[in-house]
Amino acid sequence: PGRSRARRPAAPLARGRQLYASYCTVCHGPAGMGDGLVSMANKRPGPFAGVFPLVTATSRSDGYIYNLLRVGGDLMPGYKRIPEEDRWHLVNYVRYLQKGGRP
């Protein structure tokens, strides 16, 4: 009686959103559709073809996405300069977008 449920703070999601806007939107687009300003996806002018929508990684593990952020991939640069905790915030924000969350 009188006990309230603990609520998950919104701060980690907000931090992930902030980091995503700084590092990811330019290629992956605001909603993660692969349509950022430097992407050629969806008939947009840009130097990089093959920027994938984030939904293509839904079957990948959180660790895979974290490591991709850390070391990079084919066209994606590595972001070792992003602190470890912030990379996890980005992973969680990517998962949020993959589930249809709004940017």
N, C-alpha and C. Protein backbone atom coordinates (compact mmCIF):
# COMPACT_ATOMS: atom_id res chain seq x y z
N PRO A 1 0.82 -1.19 0.00
CA PRO A 1 0.00 0.00 0.00
C PRO A 1 0.86 1.25 0.00
N GLY A 2 0.51 2.17 -0.84
CA GLY A 2 1.23 3.43 -0.89
C GLY A 2 2.51 3.39 -1.70
N ARG A 3 2.87 2.22 -2.22
CA ARG A 3 4.10 2.12 -3.02
C ARG A 3 3.79 2.43 -4.48
N SER A 4 4.65 3.19 -5.08
CA SER A 4 4.46 3.49 -6.50
C SER A 4 5.50 2.72 -7.32
N ARG A 5 5.12 2.43 -8.53
CA ARG A 5 6.05 1.75 -9.41
C ARG A 5 7.15 2.70 -9.85
N ALA A 6 8.36 2.17 -9.93
CA ALA A 6 9.47 2.97 -10.43
C ALA A 6 9.27 3.18 -11.93
N ARG A 7 9.50 4.37 -12.39
CA ARG A 7 9.34 4.69 -13.81
C ARG A 7 10.71 4.82 -14.45
N ARG A 8 10.79 4.34 -15.65
CA ARG A 8 12.04 4.44 -16.39
C ARG A 8 12.23 5.89 -16.81
N PRO A 9 13.38 6.45 -16.51
CA PRO A 9 13.59 7.86 -16.86
C PRO A 9 13.66 8.05 -18.38
N ALA A 10 13.19 9.20 -18.84
CA ALA A 10 13.21 9.53 -20.26
C ALA A 10 14.58 10.04 -20.68
N ALA A 11 15.42 10.36 -19.73
CA ALA A 11 16.72 10.96 -20.04
C ALA A 11 17.57 10.10 -20.98
N PRO A 12 17.67 8.77 -20.80
CA PRO A 12 18.49 7.99 -21.74
C PRO A 12 17.98 8.06 -23.18
N LEU A 13 16.68 8.02 -23.37
CA LEU A 13 16.12 8.12 -24.71
C LEU A 13 16.39 9.51 -25.30
N ALA A 14 16.25 10.53 -24.49
CA ALA A 14 16.54 11.89 -24.95
C ALA A 14 18.02 12.03 -25.31
N ARG A 15 18.90 11.41 -24.54
CA ARG A 15 20.33 11.46 -24.84
C ARG A 15 20.60 10.72 -26.16
N GLY A 16 19.99 9.56 -26.34
CA GLY A 16 20.14 8.82 -27.59
C GLY A 16 19.64 9.62 -28.77
N ARG A 17 18.52 10.30 -28.60
CA ARG A 17 17.96 11.15 -29.67
C ARG A 17 18.94 12.27 -30.03
N GLN A 18 19.52 12.89 -29.01
CA GLN A 18 20.48 13.97 -29.22
C GLN A 18 21.72 13.46 -29.97
N LEU A 19 22.25 12.34 -29.57
CA LEU A 19 23.42 11.76 -30.22
C LEU A 19 23.10 11.34 -31.65
N TYR A 20 21.95 10.75 -31.85
CA TYR A 20 21.53 10.32 -33.18
C TYR A 20 21.45 11.54 -34.12
N ALA A 21 20.87 12.63 -33.62
CA ALA A 21 20.78 13.84 -34.43
C ALA A 21 22.16 14.37 -34.80
N SER A 22 23.11 14.24 -33.90
CA SER A 22 24.46 14.75 -34.14
C SER A 22 25.28 13.87 -35.08
N TYR A 23 25.15 12.56 -34.94
CA TYR A 23 26.05 11.65 -35.66
C TYR A 23 25.39 10.83 -36.77
N CYS A 24 24.11 10.57 -36.70
CA CYS A 24 23.50 9.56 -37.57
C CYS A 24 22.53 10.11 -38.61
N THR A 25 21.84 11.18 -38.28
CA THR A 25 20.79 11.71 -39.15
C THR A 25 21.30 12.06 -40.54
N VAL A 26 22.51 12.57 -40.64
CA VAL A 26 23.03 13.02 -41.93
C VAL A 26 23.07 11.88 -42.95
N CYS A 27 23.25 10.65 -42.51
CA CYS A 27 23.24 9.50 -43.42
C CYS A 27 21.93 8.72 -43.35
N HIS A 28 21.51 8.39 -42.13
CA HIS A 28 20.36 7.51 -41.95
C HIS A 28 19.01 8.22 -41.96
N GLY A 29 19.01 9.54 -41.88
CA GLY A 29 17.76 10.30 -41.87
C GLY A 29 17.16 10.35 -40.48
N PRO A 30 16.25 11.28 -40.24
CA PRO A 30 15.68 11.48 -38.90
C PRO A 30 14.94 10.26 -38.35
N ALA A 31 14.27 9.52 -39.22
CA ALA A 31 13.52 8.34 -38.75
C ALA A 31 14.26 7.04 -39.04
N GLY A 32 15.51 7.13 -39.52
CA GLY A 32 16.29 5.94 -39.76
C GLY A 32 15.95 5.21 -41.04
N MET A 33 15.46 5.93 -42.03
CA MET A 33 15.03 5.31 -43.29
C MET A 33 16.14 5.27 -44.35
N GLY A 34 17.35 5.68 -43.99
CA GLY A 34 18.45 5.67 -44.94
C GLY A 34 18.39 6.82 -45.92
N ASP A 35 17.67 7.86 -45.55
CA ASP A 35 17.44 8.99 -46.47
C ASP A 35 18.01 10.30 -45.96
N GLY A 36 19.15 10.23 -45.32
CA GLY A 36 19.80 11.45 -44.84
C GLY A 36 20.34 12.27 -45.99
N LEU A 37 20.83 13.44 -45.70
CA LEU A 37 21.28 14.39 -46.72
C LEU A 37 22.43 13.85 -47.57
N VAL A 38 23.28 13.00 -47.04
CA VAL A 38 24.40 12.49 -47.84
C VAL A 38 24.09 11.15 -48.49
N SER A 39 22.88 10.66 -48.32
CA SER A 39 22.49 9.39 -48.90
C SER A 39 21.84 9.58 -50.26
N MET A 40 22.04 8.62 -51.13
CA MET A 40 21.39 8.65 -52.44
C MET A 40 20.09 7.85 -52.42
N ALA A 41 19.71 7.33 -51.27
CA ALA A 41 18.48 6.56 -51.16
C ALA A 41 17.27 7.44 -51.43
N ASN A 42 16.23 6.85 -51.90
CA ASN A 42 14.97 7.56 -52.16
C ASN A 42 15.15 8.76 -53.09
N LYS A 43 16.02 8.61 -54.08
CA LYS A 43 16.24 9.63 -55.11
C LYS A 43 16.76 10.97 -54.57
N ARG A 44 17.39 10.95 -53.43
CA ARG A 44 17.98 12.18 -52.90
C ARG A 44 19.41 12.31 -53.43
N PRO A 45 19.84 13.52 -53.73
CA PRO A 45 21.23 13.68 -54.16
C PRO A 45 22.18 13.54 -52.97
N GLY A 46 23.23 12.83 -53.16
CA GLY A 46 24.22 12.67 -52.11
C GLY A 46 25.34 11.78 -52.58
N PRO A 47 26.45 11.79 -51.89
CA PRO A 47 27.61 11.02 -52.36
C PRO A 47 27.60 9.53 -52.02
N PHE A 48 26.72 9.06 -51.14
CA PHE A 48 26.78 7.68 -50.68
C PHE A 48 25.54 6.88 -51.06
N ALA A 49 25.75 5.87 -51.88
CA ALA A 49 24.69 4.91 -52.15
C ALA A 49 24.85 3.78 -51.14
N GLY A 50 23.78 3.13 -50.79
CA GLY A 50 23.87 1.98 -49.90
C GLY A 50 23.74 2.28 -48.43
N VAL A 51 23.23 3.46 -48.06
CA VAL A 51 22.94 3.73 -46.65
C VAL A 51 21.64 3.02 -46.35
N PHE A 52 21.71 2.03 -45.48
CA PHE A 52 20.55 1.19 -45.22
C PHE A 52 19.61 1.80 -44.19
N PRO A 53 18.31 1.55 -44.34
CA PRO A 53 17.37 1.91 -43.27
C PRO A 53 17.70 1.10 -42.03
N LEU A 54 17.46 1.65 -40.88
CA LEU A 54 17.78 0.97 -39.62
C LEU A 54 17.01 -0.33 -39.44
N VAL A 55 15.85 -0.46 -40.08
CA VAL A 55 15.06 -1.68 -39.92
C VAL A 55 15.78 -2.90 -40.48
N THR A 56 16.79 -2.69 -41.33
CA THR A 56 17.53 -3.84 -41.86
C THR A 56 18.38 -4.51 -40.78
N ALA A 57 18.55 -3.86 -39.64
CA ALA A 57 19.36 -4.43 -38.56
C ALA A 57 18.51 -4.92 -37.39
N THR A 58 17.21 -5.10 -37.57
CA THR A 58 16.38 -5.53 -36.45
C THR A 58 16.75 -6.92 -35.95
N SER A 59 17.27 -7.78 -36.82
CA SER A 59 17.64 -9.12 -36.38
C SER A 59 19.04 -9.17 -35.78
N ARG A 60 19.77 -8.09 -35.86
CA ARG A 60 21.11 -8.03 -35.27
C ARG A 60 21.02 -7.79 -33.78
N SER A 61 22.03 -8.24 -33.05
CA SER A 61 22.04 -8.07 -31.59
C SER A 61 22.40 -6.63 -31.23
N ASP A 62 22.09 -6.28 -30.00
CA ASP A 62 22.49 -4.96 -29.50
C ASP A 62 24.00 -4.82 -29.55
N GLY A 63 24.72 -5.89 -29.22
CA GLY A 63 26.18 -5.86 -29.25
C GLY A 63 26.72 -5.61 -30.64
N TYR A 64 26.06 -6.17 -31.65
CA TYR A 64 26.47 -5.95 -33.03
C TYR A 64 26.35 -4.46 -33.38
N ILE A 65 25.21 -3.87 -33.04
CA ILE A 65 24.99 -2.45 -33.34
C ILE A 65 25.99 -1.59 -32.57
N TYR A 66 26.21 -1.92 -31.31
CA TYR A 66 27.18 -1.19 -30.49
C TYR A 66 28.56 -1.25 -31.15
N ASN A 67 28.98 -2.44 -31.57
CA ASN A 67 30.30 -2.60 -32.16
C ASN A 67 30.39 -1.89 -33.52
N LEU A 68 29.30 -1.90 -34.27
CA LEU A 68 29.27 -1.17 -35.54
C LEU A 68 29.47 0.33 -35.28
N LEU A 69 28.86 0.83 -34.23
CA LEU A 69 29.07 2.23 -33.86
C LEU A 69 30.53 2.48 -33.49
N ARG A 70 31.13 1.54 -32.80
CA ARG A 70 32.49 1.70 -32.32
C ARG A 70 33.53 1.64 -33.43
N VAL A 71 33.42 0.61 -34.31
CA VAL A 71 34.47 0.40 -35.31
C VAL A 71 34.05 0.76 -36.73
N GLY A 72 32.77 0.92 -36.99
CA GLY A 72 32.29 1.27 -38.31
C GLY A 72 32.02 0.06 -39.18
N GLY A 73 31.65 0.32 -40.43
CA GLY A 73 31.33 -0.73 -41.38
C GLY A 73 31.80 -0.34 -42.76
N ASP A 74 31.17 -0.87 -43.78
CA ASP A 74 31.61 -0.59 -45.16
C ASP A 74 31.70 0.91 -45.43
N LEU A 75 30.60 1.60 -45.39
CA LEU A 75 30.59 3.04 -45.62
C LEU A 75 30.54 3.84 -44.32
N MET A 76 30.17 3.18 -43.26
CA MET A 76 29.97 3.88 -41.99
C MET A 76 31.30 4.03 -41.24
N PRO A 77 31.59 5.26 -40.82
CA PRO A 77 32.82 5.46 -40.04
C PRO A 77 32.64 4.93 -38.62
N GLY A 78 33.74 4.65 -37.96
CA GLY A 78 33.70 4.27 -36.56
C GLY A 78 33.60 5.52 -35.69
N TYR A 79 32.95 5.36 -34.57
CA TYR A 79 32.77 6.49 -33.64
C TYR A 79 33.36 6.15 -32.28
N LYS A 80 34.64 5.83 -32.24
CA LYS A 80 35.31 5.52 -30.98
C LYS A 80 35.30 6.72 -30.04
N ARG A 81 35.19 7.91 -30.64
CA ARG A 81 35.20 9.13 -29.81
C ARG A 81 33.92 9.28 -28.98
N ILE A 82 32.87 8.55 -29.34
CA ILE A 82 31.64 8.58 -28.55
C ILE A 82 31.86 7.70 -27.33
N PRO A 83 31.68 8.21 -26.13
CA PRO A 83 31.88 7.41 -24.93
C PRO A 83 31.00 6.16 -24.91
N GLU A 84 31.48 5.13 -24.24
CA GLU A 84 30.79 3.84 -24.18
C GLU A 84 29.32 3.97 -23.78
N GLU A 85 29.05 4.68 -22.71
CA GLU A 85 27.66 4.82 -22.24
C GLU A 85 26.78 5.48 -23.31
N ASP A 86 27.33 6.47 -23.98
CA ASP A 86 26.56 7.14 -25.03
C ASP A 86 26.32 6.22 -26.22
N ARG A 87 27.26 5.33 -26.53
CA ARG A 87 27.01 4.36 -27.60
C ARG A 87 25.83 3.47 -27.25
N TRP A 88 25.71 3.10 -25.99
CA TRP A 88 24.55 2.29 -25.57
C TRP A 88 23.26 3.09 -25.68
N HIS A 89 23.31 4.38 -25.39
CA HIS A 89 22.13 5.23 -25.57
C HIS A 89 21.73 5.25 -27.05
N LEU A 90 22.72 5.30 -27.93
CA LEU A 90 22.44 5.25 -29.37
C LEU A 90 21.82 3.92 -29.77
N VAL A 91 22.34 2.82 -29.25
CA VAL A 91 21.76 1.50 -29.54
C VAL A 91 20.29 1.49 -29.14
N ASN A 92 20.00 1.98 -27.95
CA ASN A 92 18.61 2.00 -27.47
C ASN A 92 17.73 2.91 -28.32
N TYR A 93 18.28 4.01 -28.78
CA TYR A 93 17.50 4.91 -29.63
C TYR A 93 17.25 4.28 -31.00
N VAL A 94 18.24 3.58 -31.53
CA VAL A 94 18.05 2.86 -32.80
C VAL A 94 16.93 1.84 -32.63
N ARG A 95 16.93 1.11 -31.54
CA ARG A 95 15.86 0.14 -31.27
C ARG A 95 14.50 0.83 -31.19
N TYR A 96 14.47 1.97 -30.57
CA TYR A 96 13.23 2.77 -30.48
C TYR A 96 12.72 3.12 -31.87
N LEU A 97 13.61 3.60 -32.74
CA LEU A 97 13.21 3.93 -34.11
C LEU A 97 12.77 2.69 -34.88
N GLN A 98 13.46 1.59 -34.69
CA GLN A 98 13.11 0.35 -35.38
C GLN A 98 11.71 -0.12 -35.03
N LYS A 99 11.27 0.18 -33.83
CA LYS A 99 9.93 -0.22 -33.38
C LYS A 99 8.87 0.81 -33.75
N GLY A 100 9.24 1.78 -34.58
CA GLY A 100 8.28 2.78 -35.02
C GLY A 100 8.21 4.03 -34.20
N GLY A 101 9.18 4.22 -33.31
CA GLY A 101 9.21 5.44 -32.50
C GLY A 101 9.43 6.66 -33.38
N ARG A 102 8.90 7.76 -32.93
CA ARG A 102 9.02 9.02 -33.69
C ARG A 102 10.29 9.75 -33.32
N PRO A 103 10.96 10.31 -34.34
CA PRO A 103 12.19 11.08 -34.06
C PRO A 103 11.93 12.32 -33.22
